[in-house]
Structure formats: C-alpha cells, structure tokens
Amino acid sequence: MILTESDVREVLSMSQLIDAMEQALKQFSAGQVDQPVRQVLMVGGENYFGVMPAASNHPAAVGAKLVTVYHGNHARGLTSHLATIILLDHETGALQALLDGRYITEARTAAVSAVSARHLAKVNASTLALIGSGVQARSHLDAMLKVRPITHVRIWSRNAAHRDALAASASAEYDITVTAAPDAATAVRGADIIVLATASPTPVIRNEDVSDGAHICAVGACRPDQREVPTALVARARVYVDSRAGALKEAGDLLLPIGEGAIASTHIVGELGELLLGRVLGRTSPAQVTFFESLGMAIEDIVAAELAVRHARARGIGRPLSLA
C-alpha cells in the first residue's frame, strides 16, 4: 500500500508512538536489531542524503528510510527535511508499503525525546523551553505533554515570526501558558526540560543559563561538525545517546568536546535503551543535569512505519500499490 503524510497522521497517535519507541530502543540496545550506522552522501557539497536500513523480529519489520536535507527548499516553498520509507515483508522480502517519511521522522524524533524525559527528567518537571520553532518544536511540545505535567512553555528561535506564530497557536491549542521568549537565555533559565531543535551549526544556549536539575534533549545537530550545546554544558551533564556507535561517528555535540580533550568517549553514560533495560543508572540526584543526544535511528522509522501500516490496514486507510 501507499500511505501519504495525511494517512500517517491519521493512524499514528503520539502516545502509542512513545510506547513503540521505548520498545524499539530496548530491542536495539539488547542487540535484537540489525542496523548499520546510516550512510550519508553530501549532494552538491551542502545537501544531505542519508540511507537508513534496519530489521527487527519483534515487531517483524524490515525496511529502509531515504532521507534528504536540502536547506534551499524553504525558498521553493518546500520543507528542508524530506523522507520516504520502504517497508518490506519480513518473511518474503516483498514490497509491503511505501510511506511518506517526513511526518514519521518528525513524530518519532519527538517520541524518543519523550521517552528520555519520561526516564530522566524530574517527575514534577513543569516548565519546558523550546529552542527552535519548526515542526520538531511543535511535535516535541505535544510529546512532552504526554509524559510530564508541563504547565509553562517558553519558545525562542532566530525567526521571530515563526516563534510568535508557534506561541500563539500552541496557546490556543493547549490549556497551558505559552510565551515567546526574547532570547534563548530567557527561555532556558529555570526550565525543567530543554529541547534544542534548530539547524544551527554552533551552540544556541549557554552553560550558565541552564539550571541544576534540567533535562536537555538535543535533536538538531546530526553531523560531526555541528553542535547546539557548548562544551562546558556537555562536560557538566550526565550524557545518554540513542546509539553509541552512531554518536561516536555523527554527534558533533559530543565529538567536538572529545576532540578538544574536554571529555572522553566514556563520558557517555550509555544508550537510552540500556537505561530502559536497567543496564545503566539514570538520574542520580535532583540537581543533576541530564542530556540526551538524539541522532535518530532507522529502527525507530521502521517500527513507526510498521505501526502505521498495521493501523491503516485495520481501518481501511491507504491506496493499493503493485509493481507487477
């Protein structure tokens, strides 16, 4: 079948996706997933094309995501991040579904961040700072509301029009206080959870503005020469990743401080899945700053796609597809 973005939105709920991502993370860290680190080509010197295959037995799912990042798309009226997911039959390898992957990428990223907040943020975390005002900021707001008692949200981004529009629409949609912050420092100070979802190649917040006890989700920097977080904050925090192998190849937030000699690779406490499996400890004090570096993994996309296809079939959603 073919599932469009609107189809996927109709059949995937954030609450179900958070639970599905938690199980996928566990299986990955338990060694029950076949998944290489994503392969990346730079197209024209500045555009990103990634190929992300994965397979799992529970749920039975195999496939790949093709993802592109073309920042010039905004001038064309297109989103910069586009993706297509191919899902294959686990028993035969035959084509099972072709899905638009843009929304799945957006939603599963937020769902994984919510898993990290569920297990690392303070139980009474009520103030959320969103640095960035794109689709990831909106999805993260929805996801964080599912796992923590958020009552106040502060939003900042360099695009003031987008920042103000997101604050206004979120205020209308949710029964919480949402404000547009004049700068990143104002947004971050006193926040219990901080989401960094920007395209910035350099740090967007300062260590001194982050309060003790905060939990940080960094989702924007996915290349070894990009970072959203300064070295001092990484060194201060208790650090978790989705994939250790991926982080040590792609995460500039970690690789740059390692290259500076400020931290070693052992500064990574563990994978989020290892935390869920009880193999590493989580937060050890209320004042501790916890940090989750999210690069995104193919297994997250494939499990989300399998969930979408299963629900779509049950509801008769989607168009038939045949290559015969």
C-alpha atoms as a PDB file:
ATOM      1  CA  MET A   1       0.000   0.000   0.000  1.00  0.00           C
ATOM      2  CA  ILE A   2       0.897   3.680  -0.230  1.00  0.00           C
ATOM      3  CA  LEU A   3       0.438   5.871   2.837  1.00  0.00           C
ATOM      4  CA  THR A   4       0.617   9.624   2.383  1.00  0.00           C
ATOM      5  CA  GLU A   5       1.573  12.034   5.146  1.00  0.00           C
ATOM      6  CA  SER A   6      -2.093  12.692   5.902  1.00  0.00           C
ATOM      7  CA  ASP A   7      -2.701   8.926   6.127  1.00  0.00           C
ATOM      8  CA  VAL A   8       0.187   8.511   8.566  1.00  0.00           C
ATOM      9  CA  ARG A   9      -1.025  11.422  10.691  1.00  0.00           C
ATOM     10  CA  GLU A  10      -4.465   9.826  10.871  1.00  0.00           C
ATOM     11  CA  VAL A  11      -3.286   6.431  12.108  1.00  0.00           C
ATOM     12  CA  LEU A  12      -0.340   7.286  14.394  1.00  0.00           C
ATOM     13  CA  SER A  13      -1.039   8.694  17.851  1.00  0.00           C
ATOM     14  CA  MET A  14       1.791  10.236  19.840  1.00  0.00           C
ATOM     15  CA  SER A  15       1.020   8.191  22.955  1.00  0.00           C
ATOM     16  CA  GLN A  16       1.208   4.909  21.021  1.00  0.00           C
ATOM     17  CA  LEU A  17       4.343   6.076  19.251  1.00  0.00           C
ATOM     18  CA  ILE A  18       6.109   6.894  22.532  1.00  0.00           C
ATOM     19  CA  ASP A  19       5.425   3.370  23.790  1.00  0.00           C
ATOM     20  CA  ALA A  20       6.548   1.845  20.476  1.00  0.00           C
ATOM     21  CA  MET A  21       9.791   3.848  20.527  1.00  0.00           C
ATOM     22  CA  GLU A  22      10.504   2.718  24.077  1.00  0.00           C
ATOM     23  CA  GLN A  23      10.312  -0.904  22.967  1.00  0.00           C
ATOM     24  CA  ALA A  24      12.416  -0.223  19.852  1.00  0.00           C
ATOM     25  CA  LEU A  25      15.143   1.404  21.943  1.00  0.00           C
ATOM     26  CA  LYS A  26      15.187  -1.565  24.308  1.00  0.00           C
ATOM     27  CA  GLN A  27      15.495  -4.037  21.462  1.00  0.00           C
ATOM     28  CA  PHE A  28      18.273  -2.044  19.809  1.00  0.00           C
ATOM     29  CA  SER A  29      20.380  -1.914  22.980  1.00  0.00           C
ATOM     30  CA  ALA A  30      19.634  -5.589  23.674  1.00  0.00           C
ATOM     31  CA  GLY A  31      21.257  -6.493  20.330  1.00  0.00           C
ATOM     32  CA  GLN A  32      17.990  -7.687  18.804  1.00  0.00           C
ATOM     33  CA  VAL A  33      18.069  -5.253  15.872  1.00  0.00           C
ATOM     34  CA  ASP A  34      20.150  -5.384  12.697  1.00  0.00           C
ATOM     35  CA  GLN A  35      21.077  -1.827  11.800  1.00  0.00           C
ATOM     36  CA  PRO A  36      24.255  -0.222  10.454  1.00  0.00           C
ATOM     37  CA  VAL A  37      25.140   3.404  11.125  1.00  0.00           C
ATOM     38  CA  ARG A  38      23.411   5.430   8.432  1.00  0.00           C
ATOM     39  CA  GLN A  39      25.232   6.010   5.167  1.00  0.00           C
ATOM     40  CA  VAL A  40      25.413   9.657   4.127  1.00  0.00           C
ATOM     41  CA  LEU A  41      26.170  11.372   0.826  1.00  0.00           C
ATOM     42  CA  MET A  42      26.658  15.110   0.510  1.00  0.00           C
ATOM     43  CA  VAL A  43      24.969  16.247  -2.690  1.00  0.00           C
ATOM     44  CA  GLY A  44      26.280  19.394  -4.339  1.00  0.00           C
ATOM     45  CA  GLY A  45      28.516  19.994  -1.352  1.00  0.00           C
ATOM     46  CA  GLU A  46      25.831  21.099   1.071  1.00  0.00           C
ATOM     47  CA  ASN A  47      22.754  18.882   0.691  1.00  0.00           C
ATOM     48  CA  TYR A  48      22.373  15.730   2.765  1.00  0.00           C
ATOM     49  CA  PHE A  49      21.156  12.324   1.544  1.00  0.00           C
ATOM     50  CA  GLY A  50      21.010   9.502   4.083  1.00  0.00           C
ATOM     51  CA  VAL A  51      20.164   5.807   3.672  1.00  0.00           C
ATOM     52  CA  MET A  52      18.945   4.070   6.829  1.00  0.00           C
ATOM     53  CA  PRO A  53      18.110   0.308   6.731  1.00  0.00           C
ATOM     54  CA  ALA A  54      17.010  -1.783   9.708  1.00  0.00           C
ATOM     55  CA  ALA A  55      15.366  -5.086  10.590  1.00  0.00           C
ATOM     56  CA  SER A  56      13.778  -6.445  13.748  1.00  0.00           C
ATOM     57  CA  ASN A  57      11.908  -9.589  14.749  1.00  0.00           C
ATOM     58  CA  HIS A  58       9.589  -8.013  17.343  1.00  0.00           C
ATOM     59  CA  PRO A  59       7.712  -6.467  15.686  1.00  0.00           C
ATOM     60  CA  ALA A  60       8.539  -8.314  12.498  1.00  0.00           C
ATOM     61  CA  ALA A  61       9.694  -5.417  10.354  1.00  0.00           C
ATOM     62  CA  VAL A  62      12.353  -4.756   7.746  1.00  0.00           C
ATOM     63  CA  GLY A  63      12.897  -1.747   5.529  1.00  0.00           C
ATOM     64  CA  ALA A  64      14.778   1.463   4.956  1.00  0.00           C
ATOM     65  CA  LYS A  65      14.342   5.200   5.081  1.00  0.00           C
ATOM     66  CA  LEU A  66      15.715   7.527   2.417  1.00  0.00           C
ATOM     67  CA  VAL A  67      16.093  10.987   3.937  1.00  0.00           C
ATOM     68  CA  THR A  68      17.245  14.284   2.467  1.00  0.00           C
ATOM     69  CA  VAL A  69      18.028  17.678   3.958  1.00  0.00           C
ATOM     70  CA  TYR A  70      18.022  20.499   1.394  1.00  0.00           C
ATOM     71  CA  HIS A  71      18.063  23.833   3.230  1.00  0.00           C
ATOM     72  CA  GLY A  72      17.422  25.710  -0.016  1.00  0.00           C
ATOM     73  CA  ASN A  73      13.966  24.131  -0.156  1.00  0.00           C
ATOM     74  CA  HIS A  74      12.464  26.875   2.020  1.00  0.00           C
ATOM     75  CA  ALA A  75      12.895  29.339  -0.849  1.00  0.00           C
ATOM     76  CA  ARG A  76      10.979  26.876  -3.044  1.00  0.00           C
ATOM     77  CA  GLY A  77       8.093  26.565  -0.618  1.00  0.00           C
ATOM     78  CA  LEU A  78       9.189  23.079   0.433  1.00  0.00           C
ATOM     79  CA  THR A  79      10.273  21.706   3.790  1.00  0.00           C
ATOM     80  CA  SER A  80      14.021  21.208   4.141  1.00  0.00           C
ATOM     81  CA  HIS A  81      13.680  17.662   5.529  1.00  0.00           C
ATOM     82  CA  LEU A  82      12.041  15.062   3.261  1.00  0.00           C
ATOM     83  CA  ALA A  83      11.895  11.294   3.611  1.00  0.00           C
ATOM     84  CA  THR A  84      10.452   8.137   2.097  1.00  0.00           C
ATOM     85  CA  ILE A  85      10.173   4.829   3.946  1.00  0.00           C
ATOM     86  CA  ILE A  86      10.124   1.449   2.211  1.00  0.00           C
ATOM     87  CA  LEU A  87       8.661  -1.367   4.295  1.00  0.00           C
ATOM     88  CA  LEU A  88       9.236  -4.967   3.189  1.00  0.00           C
ATOM     89  CA  ASP A  89       7.551  -8.213   4.169  1.00  0.00           C
ATOM     90  CA  HIS A  90       9.631  -9.796   6.930  1.00  0.00           C
ATOM     91  CA  GLU A  91       9.073 -13.343   5.613  1.00  0.00           C
ATOM     92  CA  THR A  92       9.460 -12.866   1.857  1.00  0.00           C
ATOM     93  CA  GLY A  93      11.250  -9.538   1.347  1.00  0.00           C
ATOM     94  CA  ALA A  94       8.445  -8.419  -0.977  1.00  0.00           C
ATOM     95  CA  LEU A  95       7.417  -4.772  -1.025  1.00  0.00           C
ATOM     96  CA  GLN A  96       4.790  -4.225   1.661  1.00  0.00           C
ATOM     97  CA  ALA A  97       4.322  -0.470   1.807  1.00  0.00           C
ATOM     98  CA  LEU A  98       5.661   2.862   0.643  1.00  0.00           C
ATOM     99  CA  LEU A  99       5.174   5.637   3.162  1.00  0.00           C
ATOM    100  CA  ASP A 100       5.845   9.335   3.257  1.00  0.00           C
ATOM    101  CA  GLY A 101       8.522   9.532   5.955  1.00  0.00           C
ATOM    102  CA  ARG A 102       8.589  13.253   6.686  1.00  0.00           C
ATOM    103  CA  TYR A 103       5.970  13.145   9.427  1.00  0.00           C
ATOM    104  CA  ILE A 104       7.238   9.820  10.790  1.00  0.00           C
ATOM    105  CA  THR A 105      10.694  11.393  11.167  1.00  0.00           C
ATOM    106  CA  GLU A 106       9.189  14.397  12.924  1.00  0.00           C
ATOM    107  CA  ALA A 107       6.935  12.409  15.247  1.00  0.00           C
ATOM    108  CA  ARG A 108       9.273   9.546  16.163  1.00  0.00           C
ATOM    109  CA  THR A 109      12.041  12.033  17.000  1.00  0.00           C
ATOM    110  CA  ALA A 110       9.748  13.777  19.457  1.00  0.00           C
ATOM    111  CA  ALA A 111       8.509  10.442  20.800  1.00  0.00           C
ATOM    112  CA  VAL A 112      12.063   9.281  21.528  1.00  0.00           C
ATOM    113  CA  SER A 113      12.801  12.576  23.293  1.00  0.00           C
ATOM    114  CA  ALA A 114       9.672  11.991  25.362  1.00  0.00           C
ATOM    115  CA  VAL A 115      10.986   8.548  26.324  1.00  0.00           C
ATOM    116  CA  SER A 116      14.171  10.221  27.548  1.00  0.00           C
ATOM    117  CA  ALA A 117      12.151  12.764  29.543  1.00  0.00           C
ATOM    118  CA  ARG A 118       9.944  10.047  30.986  1.00  0.00           C
ATOM    119  CA  HIS A 119      13.006   8.332  32.461  1.00  0.00           C
ATOM    120  CA  LEU A 120      15.473  11.188  33.029  1.00  0.00           C
ATOM    121  CA  ALA A 121      13.564  14.428  33.674  1.00  0.00           C
ATOM    122  CA  LYS A 122      12.371  15.255  37.162  1.00  0.00           C
ATOM    123  CA  VAL A 123       8.981  13.714  37.869  1.00  0.00           C
ATOM    124  CA  ASN A 124       7.466  17.118  38.624  1.00  0.00           C
ATOM    125  CA  ALA A 125       9.001  18.867  35.595  1.00  0.00           C
ATOM    126  CA  SER A 126       6.554  21.613  34.658  1.00  0.00           C
ATOM    127  CA  THR A 127       8.480  24.186  32.611  1.00  0.00           C
ATOM    128  CA  LEU A 128       9.531  23.419  29.029  1.00  0.00           C
ATOM    129  CA  ALA A 129      11.894  25.510  26.897  1.00  0.00           C
ATOM    130  CA  LEU A 130      11.745  25.030  23.137  1.00  0.00           C
ATOM    131  CA  ILE A 131      14.725  26.404  21.217  1.00  0.00           C
ATOM    132  CA  GLY A 132      13.574  26.361  17.631  1.00  0.00           C
ATOM    133  CA  SER A 133      10.120  26.966  16.181  1.00  0.00           C
ATOM    134  CA  GLY A 134       9.796  24.457  13.347  1.00  0.00           C
ATOM    135  CA  VAL A 135       7.918  21.182  13.096  1.00  0.00           C
ATOM    136  CA  GLN A 136      10.184  19.492  15.643  1.00  0.00           C
ATOM    137  CA  ALA A 137       9.382  22.135  18.255  1.00  0.00           C
ATOM    138  CA  ARG A 138       5.654  21.597  17.781  1.00  0.00           C
ATOM    139  CA  SER A 139       5.904  17.808  17.895  1.00  0.00           C
ATOM    140  CA  HIS A 140       8.115  17.957  20.979  1.00  0.00           C
ATOM    141  CA  LEU A 141       5.560  20.096  22.762  1.00  0.00           C
ATOM    142  CA  ASP A 142       2.870  17.505  22.022  1.00  0.00           C
ATOM    143  CA  ALA A 143       5.141  14.645  23.116  1.00  0.00           C
ATOM    144  CA  MET A 144       6.375  16.241  26.351  1.00  0.00           C
ATOM    145  CA  LEU A 145       2.821  16.937  27.442  1.00  0.00           C
ATOM    146  CA  LYS A 146       2.241  13.176  27.321  1.00  0.00           C
ATOM    147  CA  VAL A 147       4.990  12.324  29.828  1.00  0.00           C
ATOM    148  CA  ARG A 148       5.390  15.272  32.226  1.00  0.00           C
ATOM    149  CA  PRO A 149       2.991  17.760  33.905  1.00  0.00           C
ATOM    150  CA  ILE A 150       4.004  20.724  31.727  1.00  0.00           C
ATOM    151  CA  THR A 151       2.220  23.964  32.633  1.00  0.00           C
ATOM    152  CA  HIS A 152       4.573  26.609  31.211  1.00  0.00           C
ATOM    153  CA  VAL A 153       6.318  26.695  27.834  1.00  0.00           C
ATOM    154  CA  ARG A 154       8.827  29.277  26.615  1.00  0.00           C
ATOM    155  CA  ILE A 155       9.752  29.372  22.921  1.00  0.00           C
ATOM    156  CA  TRP A 156      12.673  31.088  21.241  1.00  0.00           C
ATOM    157  CA  SER A 157      14.107  30.934  17.750  1.00  0.00           C
ATOM    158  CA  ARG A 158      16.039  33.283  15.499  1.00  0.00           C
ATOM    159  CA  ASN A 159      12.958  33.559  13.270  1.00  0.00           C
ATOM    160  CA  ALA A 160      10.782  35.887  15.337  1.00  0.00           C
ATOM    161  CA  ALA A 161       7.742  35.484  13.089  1.00  0.00           C
ATOM    162  CA  HIS A 162       7.814  31.677  13.383  1.00  0.00           C
ATOM    163  CA  ARG A 163       8.465  31.903  17.137  1.00  0.00           C
ATOM    164  CA  ASP A 164       5.496  34.202  17.714  1.00  0.00           C
ATOM    165  CA  ALA A 165       3.225  32.147  15.459  1.00  0.00           C
ATOM    166  CA  LEU A 166       4.051  28.910  17.283  1.00  0.00           C
ATOM    167  CA  ALA A 167       3.495  30.542  20.673  1.00  0.00           C
ATOM    168  CA  ALA A 168       0.109  31.873  19.559  1.00  0.00           C
ATOM    169  CA  SER A 169      -1.105  28.621  18.017  1.00  0.00           C
ATOM    170  CA  ALA A 170       0.117  26.500  20.943  1.00  0.00           C
ATOM    171  CA  SER A 171      -1.608  28.844  23.402  1.00  0.00           C
ATOM    172  CA  ALA A 172      -4.849  28.360  21.513  1.00  0.00           C
ATOM    173  CA  GLU A 173      -4.475  24.577  21.267  1.00  0.00           C
ATOM    174  CA  TYR A 174      -3.317  23.660  24.779  1.00  0.00           C
ATOM    175  CA  ASP A 175      -4.569  24.659  28.214  1.00  0.00           C
ATOM    176  CA  ILE A 176      -1.136  25.840  29.349  1.00  0.00           C
ATOM    177  CA  THR A 177       0.832  29.084  29.434  1.00  0.00           C
ATOM    178  CA  VAL A 178       2.937  29.524  26.284  1.00  0.00           C
ATOM    179  CA  THR A 179       5.134  32.581  25.749  1.00  0.00           C
ATOM    180  CA  ALA A 180       7.593  33.743  23.100  1.00  0.00           C
ATOM    181  CA  ALA A 181      10.910  34.484  24.800  1.00  0.00           C
ATOM    182  CA  PRO A 182      13.016  37.473  23.670  1.00  0.00           C
ATOM    183  CA  ASP A 183      16.210  35.401  23.687  1.00  0.00           C
ATOM    184  CA  ALA A 184      17.456  31.870  24.316  1.00  0.00           C
ATOM    185  CA  ALA A 185      18.750  32.700  27.806  1.00  0.00           C
ATOM    186  CA  THR A 186      15.299  33.853  28.938  1.00  0.00           C
ATOM    187  CA  ALA A 187      13.702  30.726  27.513  1.00  0.00           C
ATOM    188  CA  VAL A 188      16.165  28.365  29.178  1.00  0.00           C
ATOM    189  CA  ARG A 189      16.621  29.831  32.656  1.00  0.00           C
ATOM    190  CA  GLY A 190      14.695  27.821  35.225  1.00  0.00           C
ATOM    191  CA  ALA A 191      13.384  25.338  32.637  1.00  0.00           C
ATOM    192  CA  ASP A 192      12.987  21.720  33.757  1.00  0.00           C
ATOM    193  CA  ILE A 193      13.152  20.341  30.206  1.00  0.00           C
ATOM    194  CA  ILE A 194      15.021  21.981  27.340  1.00  0.00           C
ATOM    195  CA  VAL A 195      14.518  20.886  23.729  1.00  0.00           C
ATOM    196  CA  LEU A 196      17.085  22.035  21.174  1.00  0.00           C
ATOM    197  CA  ALA A 197      15.623  21.676  17.695  1.00  0.00           C
ATOM    198  CA  THR A 198      17.492  24.065  15.441  1.00  0.00           C
ATOM    199  CA  ALA A 199      19.558  23.986  12.278  1.00  0.00           C
ATOM    200  CA  SER A 200      22.331  25.956  13.969  1.00  0.00           C
ATOM    201  CA  PRO A 201      25.884  24.599  13.493  1.00  0.00           C
ATOM    202  CA  THR A 202      27.035  26.406  16.656  1.00  0.00           C
ATOM    203  CA  PRO A 203      25.781  26.395  20.286  1.00  0.00           C
ATOM    204  CA  VAL A 204      22.400  28.030  20.801  1.00  0.00           C
ATOM    205  CA  ILE A 205      22.408  28.058  24.625  1.00  0.00           C
ATOM    206  CA  ARG A 206      24.994  28.765  27.333  1.00  0.00           C
ATOM    207  CA  ASN A 207      26.002  26.523  30.205  1.00  0.00           C
ATOM    208  CA  GLU A 208      25.414  29.260  32.796  1.00  0.00           C
ATOM    209  CA  ASP A 209      21.779  29.667  31.740  1.00  0.00           C
ATOM    210  CA  VAL A 210      20.879  26.017  32.371  1.00  0.00           C
ATOM    211  CA  SER A 211      19.529  25.400  35.868  1.00  0.00           C
ATOM    212  CA  ASP A 212      20.539  22.467  38.029  1.00  0.00           C
ATOM    213  CA  GLY A 213      18.165  19.554  37.564  1.00  0.00           C
ATOM    214  CA  ALA A 214      17.333  20.311  33.933  1.00  0.00           C
ATOM    215  CA  HIS A 215      16.937  17.611  31.294  1.00  0.00           C
ATOM    216  CA  ILE A 216      18.135  18.507  27.796  1.00  0.00           C
ATOM    217  CA  CYS A 217      17.087  16.887  24.517  1.00  0.00           C
ATOM    218  CA  ALA A 218      19.361  17.867  21.628  1.00  0.00           C
ATOM    219  CA  VAL A 219      17.881  16.821  18.284  1.00  0.00           C
ATOM    220  CA  GLY A 220      19.048  19.397  15.734  1.00  0.00           C
ATOM    221  CA  ALA A 221      22.746  18.684  15.119  1.00  0.00           C
ATOM    222  CA  CYS A 222      23.339  15.438  13.236  1.00  0.00           C
ATOM    223  CA  ARG A 223      26.761  15.985  11.670  1.00  0.00           C
ATOM    224  CA  PRO A 224      30.199  15.712  13.304  1.00  0.00           C
ATOM    225  CA  ASP A 225      30.944  19.403  12.669  1.00  0.00           C
ATOM    226  CA  GLN A 226      27.640  20.721  14.051  1.00  0.00           C
ATOM    227  CA  ARG A 227      26.702  21.399  17.661  1.00  0.00           C
ATOM    228  CA  GLU A 228      23.852  23.005  19.589  1.00  0.00           C
ATOM    229  CA  VAL A 229      25.450  22.651  23.033  1.00  0.00           C
ATOM    230  CA  PRO A 230      28.668  24.233  24.377  1.00  0.00           C
ATOM    231  CA  THR A 231      31.484  22.054  25.665  1.00  0.00           C
ATOM    232  CA  ALA A 232      31.083  23.203  29.276  1.00  0.00           C
ATOM    233  CA  LEU A 233      27.465  22.062  29.371  1.00  0.00           C
ATOM    234  CA  VAL A 234      28.263  18.656  27.859  1.00  0.00           C
ATOM    235  CA  ALA A 235      31.042  18.181  30.398  1.00  0.00           C
ATOM    236  CA  ARG A 236      28.688  19.163  33.235  1.00  0.00           C
ATOM    237  CA  ALA A 237      25.862  16.829  32.201  1.00  0.00           C
ATOM    238  CA  ARG A 238      25.137  13.132  32.557  1.00  0.00           C
ATOM    239  CA  VAL A 239      25.037  12.119  28.878  1.00  0.00           C
ATOM    240  CA  TYR A 240      22.904   9.489  27.117  1.00  0.00           C
ATOM    241  CA  VAL A 241      22.622   8.665  23.398  1.00  0.00           C
ATOM    242  CA  ASP A 242      20.314   6.624  21.181  1.00  0.00           C
ATOM    243  CA  SER A 243      23.213   4.719  19.562  1.00  0.00           C
ATOM    244  CA  ARG A 244      26.744   4.797  20.916  1.00  0.00           C
ATOM    245  CA  ALA A 245      28.161   3.793  17.510  1.00  0.00           C
ATOM    246  CA  GLY A 246      26.140   6.495  15.775  1.00  0.00           C
ATOM    247  CA  ALA A 247      27.033   9.166  18.327  1.00  0.00           C
ATOM    248  CA  LEU A 248      30.758   8.486  18.042  1.00  0.00           C
ATOM    249  CA  LYS A 249      30.523   8.882  14.267  1.00  0.00           C
ATOM    250  CA  GLU A 250      27.999  11.701  13.817  1.00  0.00           C
ATOM    251  CA  ALA A 251      27.290  13.695  17.001  1.00  0.00           C
ATOM    252  CA  GLY A 252      29.186  16.972  16.879  1.00  0.00           C
ATOM    253  CA  ASP A 253      27.757  17.855  20.295  1.00  0.00           C
ATOM    254  CA  LEU A 254      29.985  15.062  21.643  1.00  0.00           C
ATOM    255  CA  LEU A 255      32.733  14.686  19.044  1.00  0.00           C
ATOM    256  CA  LEU A 256      33.817  18.322  19.221  1.00  0.00           C
ATOM    257  CA  PRO A 257      34.290  18.283  23.039  1.00  0.00           C
ATOM    258  CA  ILE A 258      36.094  14.942  22.682  1.00  0.00           C
ATOM    259  CA  GLY A 259      38.362  16.498  20.062  1.00  0.00           C
ATOM    260  CA  GLU A 260      39.043  19.420  22.395  1.00  0.00           C
ATOM    261  CA  GLY A 261      40.096  16.995  25.133  1.00  0.00           C
ATOM    262  CA  ALA A 262      37.326  18.217  27.442  1.00  0.00           C
ATOM    263  CA  ILE A 263      35.678  14.797  27.714  1.00  0.00           C
ATOM    264  CA  ALA A 264      36.381  11.218  26.655  1.00  0.00           C
ATOM    265  CA  SER A 265      34.015   8.833  24.914  1.00  0.00           C
ATOM    266  CA  THR A 266      33.475   7.241  28.340  1.00  0.00           C
ATOM    267  CA  HIS A 267      31.610  10.415  29.330  1.00  0.00           C
ATOM    268  CA  ILE A 268      28.629   8.806  27.590  1.00  0.00           C
ATOM    269  CA  VAL A 269      26.808   7.011  30.412  1.00  0.00           C
ATOM    270  CA  GLY A 270      25.011   4.734  27.979  1.00  0.00           C
ATOM    271  CA  GLU A 271      22.346   4.316  25.351  1.00  0.00           C
ATOM    272  CA  LEU A 272      18.792   5.218  26.238  1.00  0.00           C
ATOM    273  CA  GLY A 273      17.869   1.587  25.605  1.00  0.00           C
ATOM    274  CA  GLU A 274      20.480   0.474  28.144  1.00  0.00           C
ATOM    275  CA  LEU A 275      18.842   2.757  30.691  1.00  0.00           C
ATOM    276  CA  LEU A 276      15.447   1.228  29.921  1.00  0.00           C
ATOM    277  CA  LEU A 277      16.912  -2.256  30.319  1.00  0.00           C
ATOM    278  CA  GLY A 278      18.384  -1.351  33.707  1.00  0.00           C
ATOM    279  CA  ARG A 279      21.961  -1.755  32.499  1.00  0.00           C
ATOM    280  CA  VAL A 280      22.991   1.812  33.371  1.00  0.00           C
ATOM    281  CA  LEU A 281      21.763   4.232  36.005  1.00  0.00           C
ATOM    282  CA  GLY A 282      19.602   7.239  35.249  1.00  0.00           C
ATOM    283  CA  ARG A 283      19.438  10.498  37.178  1.00  0.00           C
ATOM    284  CA  THR A 284      21.286  10.133  40.477  1.00  0.00           C
ATOM    285  CA  SER A 285      20.287  13.428  42.129  1.00  0.00           C
ATOM    286  CA  PRO A 286      17.618  16.125  41.749  1.00  0.00           C
ATOM    287  CA  ALA A 287      20.289  18.723  40.926  1.00  0.00           C
ATOM    288  CA  GLN A 288      21.948  16.703  38.176  1.00  0.00           C
ATOM    289  CA  VAL A 289      21.727  17.936  34.578  1.00  0.00           C
ATOM    290  CA  THR A 290      20.842  15.097  32.227  1.00  0.00           C
ATOM    291  CA  PHE A 291      21.453  15.271  28.496  1.00  0.00           C
ATOM    292  CA  PHE A 292      20.068  13.136  25.673  1.00  0.00           C
ATOM    293  CA  GLU A 293      21.810  13.394  22.310  1.00  0.00           C
ATOM    294  CA  SER A 294      19.346  12.238  19.635  1.00  0.00           C
ATOM    295  CA  LEU A 295      20.593  11.397  16.161  1.00  0.00           C
ATOM    296  CA  GLY A 296      17.658   9.251  15.097  1.00  0.00           C
ATOM    297  CA  MET A 297      17.876   5.601  14.126  1.00  0.00           C
ATOM    298  CA  ALA A 298      16.498   3.541  11.280  1.00  0.00           C
ATOM    299  CA  ILE A 299      14.813   1.112  13.665  1.00  0.00           C
ATOM    300  CA  GLU A 300      12.714   3.969  15.020  1.00  0.00           C
ATOM    301  CA  ASP A 301      11.489   4.742  11.494  1.00  0.00           C
ATOM    302  CA  ILE A 302      10.829   1.110  10.598  1.00  0.00           C
ATOM    303  CA  VAL A 303       8.939   0.345  13.820  1.00  0.00           C
ATOM    304  CA  ALA A 304       6.875   3.527  13.384  1.00  0.00           C
ATOM    305  CA  ALA A 305       6.140   2.586   9.770  1.00  0.00           C
ATOM    306  CA  GLU A 306       5.105  -0.939  10.757  1.00  0.00           C
ATOM    307  CA  LEU A 307       2.766   0.505  13.389  1.00  0.00           C
ATOM    308  CA  ALA A 308       1.259   2.904  10.841  1.00  0.00           C
ATOM    309  CA  VAL A 309       0.731   0.157   8.256  1.00  0.00           C
ATOM    310  CA  ARG A 310      -0.853  -2.159  10.808  1.00  0.00           C
ATOM    311  CA  HIS A 311      -3.317   0.515  11.937  1.00  0.00           C
ATOM    312  CA  ALA A 312      -4.011   1.640   8.368  1.00  0.00           C
ATOM    313  CA  ARG A 313      -4.942  -1.878   7.311  1.00  0.00           C
ATOM    314  CA  ALA A 314      -7.246  -2.271  10.277  1.00  0.00           C
ATOM    315  CA  ARG A 315      -9.035   0.956   9.333  1.00  0.00           C
ATOM    316  CA  GLY A 316      -9.020   0.521   5.566  1.00  0.00           C
ATOM    317  CA  ILE A 317      -6.749   3.541   5.014  1.00  0.00           C
ATOM    318  CA  GLY A 318      -4.214   3.758   2.187  1.00  0.00           C
ATOM    319  CA  ARG A 319      -4.075   3.044  -1.534  1.00  0.00           C
ATOM    320  CA  PRO A 320      -3.079  -0.313  -3.065  1.00  0.00           C
ATOM    321  CA  LEU A 321       0.298  -0.480  -4.760  1.00  0.00           C
ATOM    322  CA  SER A 322       1.609  -3.059  -7.215  1.00  0.00           C
ATOM    323  CA  LEU A 323       4.860  -3.052  -9.155  1.00  0.00           C
ATOM    324  CA  ALA A 324       3.916  -6.181 -11.102  1.00  0.00           C
END
